[in-house]
Amino acid sequence: MKTPLADRIRPKTLDEVVGQKHLIGEGKILRNIIENDEVPNMIFYGPSGVGKTTIANTTLLESTALYT
């Protein structure tokens, strides 16, 4: 079975994410947390389509912190 289109085109890095630059732009708080592997427990809240899942997935891919 093929992977859904949304999963195939979803950004793989923070640099590929469109929008949310006030959080994930160079030198911004969420990017610094991810790059320094100091990722705390986080809850993303907001309407559909704003990038919650995308940012969570890229956080997982870009951080070397242990996720269980």
N, C-alpha and C. Protein backbone atom coordinates (compact mmCIF):
# COMPACT_ATOMS: atom_id res chain seq x y z
N MET A 1 0.84 -1.18 0.00
CA MET A 1 0.00 0.00 0.00
C MET A 1 0.88 1.24 0.00
N LYS A 2 0.51 2.21 -0.78
CA LYS A 2 1.30 3.43 -0.89
C LYS A 2 1.09 4.34 0.31
N THR A 3 2.11 5.12 0.59
CA THR A 3 2.04 6.12 1.64
C THR A 3 1.11 7.25 1.18
N PRO A 4 0.27 7.78 2.08
CA PRO A 4 -0.61 8.89 1.69
C PRO A 4 0.19 10.09 1.17
N LEU A 5 -0.40 10.81 0.23
CA LEU A 5 0.25 11.97 -0.37
C LEU A 5 0.69 12.98 0.68
N ALA A 6 -0.14 13.23 1.67
CA ALA A 6 0.21 14.21 2.71
C ALA A 6 1.51 13.83 3.41
N ASP A 7 1.71 12.54 3.65
CA ASP A 7 2.94 12.09 4.30
C ASP A 7 4.14 12.19 3.36
N ARG A 8 3.92 11.98 2.08
CA ARG A 8 5.02 12.03 1.11
C ARG A 8 5.52 13.45 0.87
N ILE A 9 4.64 14.44 0.94
CA ILE A 9 5.06 15.82 0.65
C ILE A 9 5.30 16.66 1.90
N ARG A 10 5.04 16.09 3.07
CA ARG A 10 5.24 16.82 4.32
C ARG A 10 6.72 17.16 4.48
N PRO A 11 7.06 18.36 4.92
CA PRO A 11 8.46 18.76 5.11
C PRO A 11 9.19 17.81 6.05
N LYS A 12 10.46 17.59 5.77
CA LYS A 12 11.29 16.70 6.59
C LYS A 12 12.22 17.46 7.52
N THR A 13 12.43 18.75 7.25
CA THR A 13 13.29 19.58 8.10
C THR A 13 12.56 20.87 8.46
N LEU A 14 13.04 21.53 9.48
CA LEU A 14 12.44 22.80 9.89
C LEU A 14 12.60 23.85 8.80
N ASP A 15 13.68 23.78 8.03
CA ASP A 15 13.89 24.75 6.96
C ASP A 15 12.87 24.61 5.84
N GLU A 16 12.29 23.42 5.68
CA GLU A 16 11.29 23.19 4.64
C GLU A 16 9.88 23.61 5.06
N VAL A 17 9.67 23.86 6.34
CA VAL A 17 8.34 24.24 6.83
C VAL A 17 8.03 25.66 6.39
N VAL A 18 6.84 25.85 5.85
CA VAL A 18 6.39 27.19 5.43
C VAL A 18 5.53 27.76 6.54
N GLY A 19 5.86 28.95 6.99
CA GLY A 19 5.10 29.58 8.07
C GLY A 19 5.72 29.27 9.43
N GLN A 20 5.14 29.82 10.47
CA GLN A 20 5.59 29.63 11.85
C GLN A 20 7.02 30.10 12.08
N LYS A 21 7.49 31.04 11.28
CA LYS A 21 8.87 31.51 11.40
C LYS A 21 9.11 32.23 12.73
N HIS A 22 8.06 32.71 13.37
CA HIS A 22 8.23 33.35 14.68
C HIS A 22 8.59 32.32 15.75
N LEU A 23 8.40 31.04 15.45
CA LEU A 23 8.76 29.97 16.38
C LEU A 23 9.96 29.15 15.90
N ILE A 24 10.03 28.90 14.58
CA ILE A 24 11.06 27.99 14.08
C ILE A 24 12.07 28.65 13.15
N GLY A 25 12.02 29.97 13.05
CA GLY A 25 13.01 30.68 12.24
C GLY A 25 14.37 30.64 12.93
N GLU A 26 15.42 30.99 12.19
CA GLU A 26 16.77 31.00 12.76
C GLU A 26 16.81 31.85 14.03
N GLY A 27 17.35 31.27 15.11
CA GLY A 27 17.49 31.99 16.37
C GLY A 27 16.23 32.10 17.19
N LYS A 28 15.13 31.52 16.75
CA LYS A 28 13.86 31.60 17.49
C LYS A 28 13.77 30.47 18.50
N ILE A 29 12.86 30.62 19.44
CA ILE A 29 12.83 29.77 20.63
C ILE A 29 12.67 28.28 20.33
N LEU A 30 11.71 27.90 19.53
CA LEU A 30 11.48 26.47 19.30
C LEU A 30 12.65 25.85 18.52
N ARG A 31 13.18 26.57 17.56
CA ARG A 31 14.34 26.04 16.81
C ARG A 31 15.53 25.85 17.74
N ASN A 32 15.78 26.82 18.63
CA ASN A 32 16.90 26.69 19.57
C ASN A 32 16.72 25.49 20.48
N ILE A 33 15.51 25.27 20.96
CA ILE A 33 15.24 24.12 21.82
C ILE A 33 15.53 22.82 21.08
N ILE A 34 15.09 22.73 19.83
CA ILE A 34 15.29 21.51 19.04
C ILE A 34 16.76 21.30 18.72
N GLU A 35 17.44 22.35 18.27
CA GLU A 35 18.84 22.23 17.88
C GLU A 35 19.74 21.92 19.07
N ASN A 36 19.36 22.35 20.27
CA ASN A 36 20.16 22.09 21.47
C ASN A 36 19.74 20.81 22.18
N ASP A 37 18.82 20.06 21.57
CA ASP A 37 18.32 18.80 22.15
C ASP A 37 17.82 18.98 23.58
N GLU A 38 17.10 20.07 23.80
CA GLU A 38 16.50 20.35 25.11
C GLU A 38 14.98 20.34 24.98
N VAL A 39 14.46 19.37 24.23
CA VAL A 39 13.04 19.33 23.91
C VAL A 39 12.24 18.86 25.13
N PRO A 40 11.38 19.74 25.66
CA PRO A 40 10.53 19.35 26.80
C PRO A 40 9.26 18.68 26.28
N ASN A 41 8.42 18.24 27.19
CA ASN A 41 7.09 17.78 26.78
C ASN A 41 6.35 18.99 26.23
N MET A 42 5.72 18.81 25.08
CA MET A 42 5.02 19.92 24.45
C MET A 42 3.65 19.46 23.96
N ILE A 43 2.71 20.38 23.98
CA ILE A 43 1.38 20.16 23.41
C ILE A 43 1.15 21.26 22.39
N PHE A 44 0.92 20.87 21.14
CA PHE A 44 0.61 21.83 20.09
C PHE A 44 -0.89 21.92 19.97
N TYR A 45 -1.41 23.12 20.02
CA TYR A 45 -2.85 23.35 19.99
C TYR A 45 -3.17 24.36 18.90
N GLY A 46 -4.20 24.10 18.15
CA GLY A 46 -4.62 25.05 17.13
C GLY A 46 -5.54 24.39 16.13
N PRO A 47 -6.06 25.19 15.20
CA PRO A 47 -6.99 24.65 14.22
C PRO A 47 -6.28 23.72 13.22
N SER A 48 -7.06 22.99 12.49
CA SER A 48 -6.53 22.08 11.48
C SER A 48 -5.73 22.84 10.43
N GLY A 49 -4.66 22.21 9.99
CA GLY A 49 -3.91 22.75 8.87
C GLY A 49 -2.88 23.81 9.19
N VAL A 50 -2.58 24.04 10.45
CA VAL A 50 -1.60 25.09 10.78
C VAL A 50 -0.18 24.54 10.94
N GLY A 51 -0.02 23.21 10.90
CA GLY A 51 1.32 22.63 10.94
C GLY A 51 1.72 21.96 12.23
N LYS A 52 0.77 21.65 13.09
CA LYS A 52 1.09 21.02 14.38
C LYS A 52 1.82 19.69 14.18
N THR A 53 1.24 18.82 13.38
CA THR A 53 1.84 17.50 13.13
C THR A 53 3.17 17.63 12.41
N THR A 54 3.24 18.53 11.46
CA THR A 54 4.48 18.73 10.71
C THR A 54 5.61 19.17 11.62
N ILE A 55 5.35 20.14 12.49
CA ILE A 55 6.39 20.60 13.40
C ILE A 55 6.77 19.51 14.40
N ALA A 56 5.80 18.74 14.87
CA ALA A 56 6.10 17.64 15.78
C ALA A 56 6.97 16.59 15.09
N ASN A 57 6.65 16.25 13.85
CA ASN A 57 7.43 15.25 13.12
C ASN A 57 8.83 15.75 12.80
N THR A 58 8.98 17.00 12.41
CA THR A 58 10.31 17.52 12.12
C THR A 58 11.14 17.65 13.40
N THR A 59 10.48 17.92 14.51
CA THR A 59 11.18 17.95 15.80
C THR A 59 11.77 16.57 16.09
N LEU A 60 10.98 15.55 15.87
CA LEU A 60 11.43 14.17 16.09
C LEU A 60 12.61 13.83 15.18
N LEU A 61 12.52 14.24 13.91
CA LEU A 61 13.58 13.92 12.95
C LEU A 61 14.87 14.71 13.18
N GLU A 62 14.74 15.95 13.63
CA GLU A 62 15.93 16.81 13.75
C GLU A 62 16.60 16.74 15.11
N SER A 63 15.90 16.31 16.12
CA SER A 63 16.49 16.22 17.45
C SER A 63 17.09 14.84 17.66
N THR A 64 18.18 14.80 18.40
CA THR A 64 18.77 13.51 18.73
C THR A 64 18.38 13.08 20.14
N ALA A 65 17.48 13.84 20.76
CA ALA A 65 17.00 13.47 22.08
C ALA A 65 16.25 12.15 22.00
N LEU A 66 16.23 11.42 23.06
CA LEU A 66 15.59 10.11 23.10
C LEU A 66 14.08 10.27 23.29
N TYR A 67 13.31 9.67 22.40
CA TYR A 67 11.85 9.68 22.51
C TYR A 67 11.38 8.28 22.81
N THR A 68 10.53 8.18 23.81
CA THR A 68 9.99 6.87 24.15
C THR A 68 8.49 6.91 24.21
